[in-house]
Structures are given as structure tokens and as C-alpha cells.
């Protein structure tokens, strides 16, 4: 049998099936149930409203330093105490502006998934990585609120609540329905309530002197 040659007289290189399969894997459409879509959509809307409200309150406080934000309820639940700190503007502008941009993307994702639109794996990976960055930032802010600022921002706590949920749902789409994917998702759903419990206990312990006066 005569071996064919390419235009340069050499033997043609066969396609790299592994690389091609990897590319197809990342562009493969990942199904998401409408239930997941609705949860992501609702969580995104809640996070967007909380971020927008915080931004408005921060601008009001900048205009009038004597302004009392609507989320300044008591010495512990006090947005005003948090807003004026350096931690509330990590990159030189109010943190909620990041939330407005991020949750806008989440809302679009949830709306598409609810409508039955299948998104590629690379999209879910990007959303997972972005949400993971937000989750890391949230953990830092939780620590700062509890042990440095000694005050809690209710609207911030709303963001703390929805972000880990969005992270778990987004990561679940990346891993797919393989055996390994199911195993990873099962662990994520175990770790999620554990994280919530740790934060709740930390809040209860740190501010127990105040909570005990309400009993």
C-alpha cells in the first residue's frame, strides 16, 4: 500500500484525538434543569438587590455623613459601621459595585437555564471560578466583620448566604453527570451546610454578650 505524503513530501501527522476530545469536552453543552435555573435566577436577583441597595446606601452616606442607613438596626447589625471601613472598599471603590456586576451575570445565567438554554461547560467553569473568587472574598469579609470591625451588615449577610449556593450549583454543571462528578457534587452539598453552620456559630459566639441581653 502506498503511503500518502503531504505537500512538503513528509508523512502527514494524524490528528491528536486526545486534544480534539478535550476541546469538544469544554465546548459541550451542559444540561441544567429548570429547577436549578430558577434557584440560580432567584439567588442572583436577591444578591443583585442586596448589592444595589448597599451601593445606594453608601452613596447616601457619602453625601451626608450623618445619614443612618436603613440596615443600621442596632450596635451589632449596623451597615453604617461597616461601610466606612477600609474593608468595605478593597479595590478603592465600594465592594457592592462588584456585586452588581457579578450578580447581573448570575441573573442572566439563571434566566437562560430557566428558559431551557443549555450553556457550554467553559461558561459554567468561568462562572464557577468567578463565584469561587467571590466566595474567598466573602470569607475574608466574614473574618473582618467578626474580629476586626465587630459589626455585621445585614445586606452583606444576604450576599454571604446566596454566593456559596450559586457556587455549588455552578460547579455541579462543570463536573457533569459522571461518577466522579456525582461524588464531587455530593461532597459540595455536605460542605455547604457545614459552612453555613460554622459562620452562624461564629456570629453567635462573637456577639454573645449582646445576644444574651435580648433573651
C-alpha atoms as a PDB file:
ATOM      1  CA  UNK A   1       0.000   0.000   0.000  1.00  0.00           C
ATOM      2  CA  UNK A   2       1.394   3.403  -0.951  1.00  0.00           C
ATOM      3  CA  UNK A   3       1.773   5.857   1.900  1.00  0.00           C
ATOM      4  CA  UNK A   4       0.464   9.320   1.090  1.00  0.00           C
ATOM      5  CA  UNK A   5       2.621  12.370   1.721  1.00  0.00           C
ATOM      6  CA  UNK A   6       1.750  15.954   2.455  1.00  0.00           C
ATOM      7  CA  UNK A   7       2.616  18.927   0.224  1.00  0.00           C
ATOM      8  CA  UNK A   8       6.114  19.094   1.692  1.00  0.00           C
ATOM      9  CA  UNK A   9       6.910  15.452   0.939  1.00  0.00           C
ATOM     10  CA  UNK A  10       6.549  14.244   4.547  1.00  0.00           C
ATOM     11  CA  UNK A  11       4.130  11.865   6.157  1.00  0.00           C
ATOM     12  CA  UNK A  12       1.079  13.770   7.396  1.00  0.00           C
ATOM     13  CA  UNK A  13       0.662  13.974  11.187  1.00  0.00           C
ATOM     14  CA  UNK A  14      -2.523  12.258  12.339  1.00  0.00           C
ATOM     15  CA  UNK A  15      -4.929  14.431  14.308  1.00  0.00           C
ATOM     16  CA  UNK A  16      -4.463  14.441  18.050  1.00  0.00           C
ATOM     17  CA  UNK A  17      -7.652  12.725  19.145  1.00  0.00           C
ATOM     18  CA  UNK A  18      -6.980  13.478  22.796  1.00  0.00           C
ATOM     19  CA  UNK A  19      -6.643  17.218  22.206  1.00  0.00           C
ATOM     20  CA  UNK A  20      -9.694  17.217  19.960  1.00  0.00           C
ATOM     21  CA  UNK A  21     -11.721  15.375  22.590  1.00  0.00           C
ATOM     22  CA  UNK A  22     -10.579  17.850  25.242  1.00  0.00           C
ATOM     23  CA  UNK A  23     -11.748  20.769  23.116  1.00  0.00           C
ATOM     24  CA  UNK A  24     -15.091  19.090  22.472  1.00  0.00           C
ATOM     25  CA  UNK A  25     -15.395  18.413  26.193  1.00  0.00           C
ATOM     26  CA  UNK A  26     -15.124  22.074  27.141  1.00  0.00           C
ATOM     27  CA  UNK A  27     -17.486  23.221  24.405  1.00  0.00           C
ATOM     28  CA  UNK A  28     -20.051  20.506  25.165  1.00  0.00           C
ATOM     29  CA  UNK A  29     -23.412  21.844  26.234  1.00  0.00           C
ATOM     30  CA  UNK A  30     -24.160  21.012  29.855  1.00  0.00           C
ATOM     31  CA  UNK A  31     -27.819  20.455  30.720  1.00  0.00           C
ATOM     32  CA  UNK A  32     -29.273  22.254  33.729  1.00  0.00           C
ATOM     33  CA  UNK A  33     -32.751  21.534  34.993  1.00  0.00           C
ATOM     34  CA  UNK A  34     -35.265  24.344  35.223  1.00  0.00           C
ATOM     35  CA  UNK A  35     -35.249  23.901  38.992  1.00  0.00           C
ATOM     36  CA  UNK A  36     -31.531  24.727  39.047  1.00  0.00           C
ATOM     37  CA  UNK A  37     -32.170  27.611  36.673  1.00  0.00           C
ATOM     38  CA  UNK A  38     -34.892  29.047  38.927  1.00  0.00           C
ATOM     39  CA  UNK A  39     -32.707  28.711  42.046  1.00  0.00           C
ATOM     40  CA  UNK A  40     -29.768  30.429  40.334  1.00  0.00           C
ATOM     41  CA  UNK A  41     -32.085  33.140  38.996  1.00  0.00           C
ATOM     42  CA  UNK A  42     -33.713  33.819  42.374  1.00  0.00           C
ATOM     43  CA  UNK A  43     -30.362  33.774  44.201  1.00  0.00           C
ATOM     44  CA  UNK A  44     -28.923  36.141  41.603  1.00  0.00           C
ATOM     45  CA  UNK A  45     -31.839  38.554  41.915  1.00  0.00           C
ATOM     46  CA  UNK A  46     -31.569  38.532  45.712  1.00  0.00           C
ATOM     47  CA  UNK A  47     -27.825  39.176  45.548  1.00  0.00           C
ATOM     48  CA  UNK A  48     -28.311  41.917  42.958  1.00  0.00           C
ATOM     49  CA  UNK A  49     -30.949  43.695  45.062  1.00  0.00           C
ATOM     50  CA  UNK A  50     -28.758  43.486  48.167  1.00  0.00           C
ATOM     51  CA  UNK A  51     -25.717  44.830  46.272  1.00  0.00           C
ATOM     52  CA  UNK A  52     -27.695  47.650  44.664  1.00  0.00           C
ATOM     53  CA  UNK A  53     -29.252  48.632  47.989  1.00  0.00           C
ATOM     54  CA  UNK A  54     -25.845  48.681  49.657  1.00  0.00           C
ATOM     55  CA  UNK A  55     -24.466  50.856  46.861  1.00  0.00           C
ATOM     56  CA  UNK A  56     -27.297  53.354  47.198  1.00  0.00           C
ATOM     57  CA  UNK A  57     -26.890  53.452  50.979  1.00  0.00           C
ATOM     58  CA  UNK A  58     -23.150  54.001  50.594  1.00  0.00           C
ATOM     59  CA  UNK A  59     -23.690  56.938  48.229  1.00  0.00           C
ATOM     60  CA  UNK A  60     -26.232  58.428  50.635  1.00  0.00           C
ATOM     61  CA  UNK A  61     -23.691  58.145  53.442  1.00  0.00           C
ATOM     62  CA  UNK A  62     -21.019  59.772  51.278  1.00  0.00           C
ATOM     63  CA  UNK A  63     -23.335  62.703  50.538  1.00  0.00           C
ATOM     64  CA  UNK A  64     -24.475  63.096  54.135  1.00  0.00           C
ATOM     65  CA  UNK A  65     -22.139  61.687  56.837  1.00  0.00           C
ATOM     66  CA  UNK A  66     -24.973  61.971  59.373  1.00  0.00           C
ATOM     67  CA  UNK A  67     -27.215  59.681  57.289  1.00  0.00           C
ATOM     68  CA  UNK A  68     -28.331  56.487  59.047  1.00  0.00           C
ATOM     69  CA  UNK A  69     -28.551  53.545  56.629  1.00  0.00           C
ATOM     70  CA  UNK A  70     -31.749  51.500  56.701  1.00  0.00           C
ATOM     71  CA  UNK A  71     -29.724  48.425  57.678  1.00  0.00           C
ATOM     72  CA  UNK A  72     -28.247  50.032  60.792  1.00  0.00           C
ATOM     73  CA  UNK A  73     -30.556  48.343  63.269  1.00  0.00           C
ATOM     74  CA  UNK A  74     -28.552  48.022  66.479  1.00  0.00           C
ATOM     75  CA  UNK A  75     -24.909  48.056  67.659  1.00  0.00           C
ATOM     76  CA  UNK A  76     -24.267  44.639  66.085  1.00  0.00           C
ATOM     77  CA  UNK A  77     -26.408  44.787  62.937  1.00  0.00           C
ATOM     78  CA  UNK A  78     -25.045  48.041  61.609  1.00  0.00           C
ATOM     79  CA  UNK A  79     -24.264  48.653  57.938  1.00  0.00           C
ATOM     80  CA  UNK A  80     -23.088  52.163  58.718  1.00  0.00           C
ATOM     81  CA  UNK A  81     -20.280  50.872  60.917  1.00  0.00           C
ATOM     82  CA  UNK A  82     -19.111  48.560  58.147  1.00  0.00           C
ATOM     83  CA  UNK A  83     -19.463  50.943  55.192  1.00  0.00           C
ATOM     84  CA  UNK A  84     -16.959  53.487  56.492  1.00  0.00           C
ATOM     85  CA  UNK A  85     -14.131  50.941  56.920  1.00  0.00           C
ATOM     86  CA  UNK A  86     -11.279  50.248  54.507  1.00  0.00           C
ATOM     87  CA  UNK A  87     -12.513  46.662  54.193  1.00  0.00           C
ATOM     88  CA  UNK A  88     -15.709  47.951  52.544  1.00  0.00           C
ATOM     89  CA  UNK A  89     -13.695  49.255  49.586  1.00  0.00           C
ATOM     90  CA  UNK A  90     -10.960  46.698  48.958  1.00  0.00           C
ATOM     91  CA  UNK A  91     -10.132  47.966  45.460  1.00  0.00           C
ATOM     92  CA  UNK A  92     -10.674  51.646  46.176  1.00  0.00           C
ATOM     93  CA  UNK A  93     -14.406  51.675  45.408  1.00  0.00           C
ATOM     94  CA  UNK A  94     -17.402  50.238  47.300  1.00  0.00           C
ATOM     95  CA  UNK A  95     -17.423  46.445  47.283  1.00  0.00           C
ATOM     96  CA  UNK A  96     -21.138  46.271  46.331  1.00  0.00           C
ATOM     97  CA  UNK A  97     -20.281  47.582  42.856  1.00  0.00           C
ATOM     98  CA  UNK A  98     -18.516  44.268  42.271  1.00  0.00           C
ATOM     99  CA  UNK A  99     -21.655  42.513  43.450  1.00  0.00           C
ATOM    100  CA  UNK A 100     -23.842  44.436  40.990  1.00  0.00           C
ATOM    101  CA  UNK A 101     -21.667  43.337  38.064  1.00  0.00           C
ATOM    102  CA  UNK A 102     -21.289  39.743  39.268  1.00  0.00           C
ATOM    103  CA  UNK A 103     -24.915  39.122  40.174  1.00  0.00           C
ATOM    104  CA  UNK A 104     -26.068  40.630  36.870  1.00  0.00           C
ATOM    105  CA  UNK A 105     -24.225  37.782  35.131  1.00  0.00           C
ATOM    106  CA  UNK A 106     -25.761  35.266  37.538  1.00  0.00           C
ATOM    107  CA  UNK A 107     -29.261  36.587  36.792  1.00  0.00           C
ATOM    108  CA  UNK A 108     -28.680  36.167  33.048  1.00  0.00           C
ATOM    109  CA  UNK A 109     -27.367  32.627  33.604  1.00  0.00           C
ATOM    110  CA  UNK A 110     -30.386  31.717  35.709  1.00  0.00           C
ATOM    111  CA  UNK A 111     -32.785  33.188  33.164  1.00  0.00           C
ATOM    112  CA  UNK A 112     -31.186  31.223  30.309  1.00  0.00           C
ATOM    113  CA  UNK A 113     -31.195  27.970  32.291  1.00  0.00           C
ATOM    114  CA  UNK A 114     -34.825  28.518  33.317  1.00  0.00           C
ATOM    115  CA  UNK A 115     -35.715  29.029  29.650  1.00  0.00           C
ATOM    116  CA  UNK A 116     -34.096  25.684  28.809  1.00  0.00           C
ATOM    117  CA  UNK A 117     -31.000  27.098  27.124  1.00  0.00           C
ATOM    118  CA  UNK A 118     -28.014  24.762  27.538  1.00  0.00           C
ATOM    119  CA  UNK A 119     -24.732  26.550  28.173  1.00  0.00           C
ATOM    120  CA  UNK A 120     -21.268  25.155  27.344  1.00  0.00           C
ATOM    121  CA  UNK A 121     -19.050  23.687  30.015  1.00  0.00           C
ATOM    122  CA  UNK A 122     -16.490  26.517  29.632  1.00  0.00           C
ATOM    123  CA  UNK A 123     -19.208  29.026  30.542  1.00  0.00           C
ATOM    124  CA  UNK A 124     -20.078  27.170  33.750  1.00  0.00           C
ATOM    125  CA  UNK A 125     -16.359  26.878  34.527  1.00  0.00           C
ATOM    126  CA  UNK A 126     -15.941  30.632  34.146  1.00  0.00           C
ATOM    127  CA  UNK A 127     -18.921  31.289  36.384  1.00  0.00           C
ATOM    128  CA  UNK A 128     -17.612  28.775  38.936  1.00  0.00           C
ATOM    129  CA  UNK A 129     -14.180  30.412  39.064  1.00  0.00           C
ATOM    130  CA  UNK A 130     -15.709  33.882  39.337  1.00  0.00           C
ATOM    131  CA  UNK A 131     -18.055  32.775  42.105  1.00  0.00           C
ATOM    132  CA  UNK A 132     -15.182  30.997  43.852  1.00  0.00           C
ATOM    133  CA  UNK A 133     -13.244  34.289  43.874  1.00  0.00           C
ATOM    134  CA  UNK A 134     -16.316  35.947  45.391  1.00  0.00           C
ATOM    135  CA  UNK A 135     -16.585  33.173  47.980  1.00  0.00           C
ATOM    136  CA  UNK A 136     -12.948  33.661  49.010  1.00  0.00           C
ATOM    137  CA  UNK A 137     -13.604  37.395  49.345  1.00  0.00           C
ATOM    138  CA  UNK A 138     -16.705  36.678  51.443  1.00  0.00           C
ATOM    139  CA  UNK A 139     -14.738  34.517  53.865  1.00  0.00           C
ATOM    140  CA  UNK A 140     -12.238  37.340  54.303  1.00  0.00           C
ATOM    141  CA  UNK A 141     -15.060  39.826  54.889  1.00  0.00           C
ATOM    142  CA  UNK A 142     -16.731  37.495  57.398  1.00  0.00           C
ATOM    143  CA  UNK A 143     -13.484  37.370  59.380  1.00  0.00           C
ATOM    144  CA  UNK A 144     -13.056  41.148  59.172  1.00  0.00           C
ATOM    145  CA  UNK A 145     -16.650  41.809  60.237  1.00  0.00           C
ATOM    146  CA  UNK A 146     -16.453  39.485  63.229  1.00  0.00           C
ATOM    147  CA  UNK A 147     -12.960  40.084  64.565  1.00  0.00           C
ATOM    148  CA  UNK A 148     -11.821  43.473  63.252  1.00  0.00           C
ATOM    149  CA  UNK A 149     -14.883  45.678  62.653  1.00  0.00           C
ATOM    150  CA  UNK A 150     -17.067  43.995  65.282  1.00  0.00           C
ATOM    151  CA  UNK A 151     -20.283  44.703  63.400  1.00  0.00           C
ATOM    152  CA  UNK A 152     -22.479  42.934  60.875  1.00  0.00           C
ATOM    153  CA  UNK A 153     -24.022  44.318  57.705  1.00  0.00           C
ATOM    154  CA  UNK A 154     -27.425  42.646  57.090  1.00  0.00           C
ATOM    155  CA  UNK A 155     -27.340  43.212  53.332  1.00  0.00           C
ATOM    156  CA  UNK A 156     -23.801  41.833  53.219  1.00  0.00           C
ATOM    157  CA  UNK A 157     -25.025  38.760  55.047  1.00  0.00           C
ATOM    158  CA  UNK A 158     -27.612  38.250  52.309  1.00  0.00           C
ATOM    159  CA  UNK A 159     -24.736  38.130  49.811  1.00  0.00           C
ATOM    160  CA  UNK A 160     -22.870  35.744  52.130  1.00  0.00           C
ATOM    161  CA  UNK A 161     -25.907  33.454  52.021  1.00  0.00           C
ATOM    162  CA  UNK A 162     -26.561  33.236  48.270  1.00  0.00           C
ATOM    163  CA  UNK A 163     -22.987  33.174  46.947  1.00  0.00           C
ATOM    164  CA  UNK A 164     -21.992  29.702  48.282  1.00  0.00           C
ATOM    165  CA  UNK A 165     -25.252  28.253  46.926  1.00  0.00           C
ATOM    166  CA  UNK A 166     -24.555  29.690  43.472  1.00  0.00           C
ATOM    167  CA  UNK A 167     -21.006  28.317  43.670  1.00  0.00           C
ATOM    168  CA  UNK A 168     -22.178  24.761  44.392  1.00  0.00           C
ATOM    169  CA  UNK A 169     -24.801  24.827  41.627  1.00  0.00           C
ATOM    170  CA  UNK A 170     -22.340  26.257  39.082  1.00  0.00           C
ATOM    171  CA  UNK A 171     -19.610  23.760  39.974  1.00  0.00           C
ATOM    172  CA  UNK A 172     -22.116  20.941  39.614  1.00  0.00           C
ATOM    173  CA  UNK A 173     -22.668  21.853  35.953  1.00  0.00           C
ATOM    174  CA  UNK A 174     -18.903  21.777  35.288  1.00  0.00           C
ATOM    175  CA  UNK A 175     -18.408  18.248  36.629  1.00  0.00           C
ATOM    176  CA  UNK A 176     -21.348  16.801  34.734  1.00  0.00           C
ATOM    177  CA  UNK A 177     -23.106  13.513  35.490  1.00  0.00           C
ATOM    178  CA  UNK A 178     -20.086  11.207  35.570  1.00  0.00           C
ATOM    179  CA  UNK A 179     -19.381   9.071  38.634  1.00  0.00           C
ATOM    180  CA  UNK A 180     -16.624  11.455  39.727  1.00  0.00           C
ATOM    181  CA  UNK A 181     -18.922  14.402  39.088  1.00  0.00           C
ATOM    182  CA  UNK A 182     -21.662  12.928  41.245  1.00  0.00           C
ATOM    183  CA  UNK A 183     -19.145  12.230  44.013  1.00  0.00           C
ATOM    184  CA  UNK A 184     -17.839  15.797  43.948  1.00  0.00           C
ATOM    185  CA  UNK A 185     -21.361  17.239  43.978  1.00  0.00           C
ATOM    186  CA  UNK A 186     -22.341  15.079  46.930  1.00  0.00           C
ATOM    187  CA  UNK A 187     -19.392  16.437  48.916  1.00  0.00           C
ATOM    188  CA  UNK A 188     -20.193  20.007  47.931  1.00  0.00           C
ATOM    189  CA  UNK A 189     -23.739  19.596  49.239  1.00  0.00           C
ATOM    190  CA  UNK A 190     -22.323  18.302  52.517  1.00  0.00           C
ATOM    191  CA  UNK A 191     -19.814  21.145  52.848  1.00  0.00           C
ATOM    192  CA  UNK A 192     -22.386  23.853  52.071  1.00  0.00           C
ATOM    193  CA  UNK A 193     -24.485  23.487  55.251  1.00  0.00           C
ATOM    194  CA  UNK A 194     -21.287  22.932  57.253  1.00  0.00           C
ATOM    195  CA  UNK A 195     -20.006  26.334  56.081  1.00  0.00           C
ATOM    196  CA  UNK A 196     -23.314  27.995  56.996  1.00  0.00           C
ATOM    197  CA  UNK A 197     -23.228  26.360  60.419  1.00  0.00           C
ATOM    198  CA  UNK A 198     -19.651  27.491  61.095  1.00  0.00           C
ATOM    199  CA  UNK A 199     -20.489  31.100  60.208  1.00  0.00           C
ATOM    200  CA  UNK A 200     -23.670  31.084  62.306  1.00  0.00           C
ATOM    201  CA  UNK A 201     -21.858  29.639  65.315  1.00  0.00           C
ATOM    202  CA  UNK A 202     -19.014  32.159  64.920  1.00  0.00           C
ATOM    203  CA  UNK A 203     -21.530  35.017  64.844  1.00  0.00           C
ATOM    204  CA  UNK A 204     -23.329  33.646  67.885  1.00  0.00           C
ATOM    205  CA  UNK A 205     -20.140  33.238  69.908  1.00  0.00           C
ATOM    206  CA  UNK A 206     -18.536  36.553  68.947  1.00  0.00           C
ATOM    207  CA  UNK A 207     -21.602  38.644  69.753  1.00  0.00           C
ATOM    208  CA  UNK A 208     -22.995  36.518  72.575  1.00  0.00           C
ATOM    209  CA  UNK A 209     -22.687  39.352  75.082  1.00  0.00           C
ATOM    210  CA  UNK A 210     -25.167  41.348  73.011  1.00  0.00           C
ATOM    211  CA  UNK A 211     -27.443  38.455  72.017  1.00  0.00           C
ATOM    212  CA  UNK A 212     -27.751  37.408  75.658  1.00  0.00           C
ATOM    213  CA  UNK A 213     -29.249  40.800  76.530  1.00  0.00           C
ATOM    214  CA  UNK A 214     -32.114  40.114  74.111  1.00  0.00           C
ATOM    215  CA  UNK A 215     -33.132  36.852  75.749  1.00  0.00           C
END
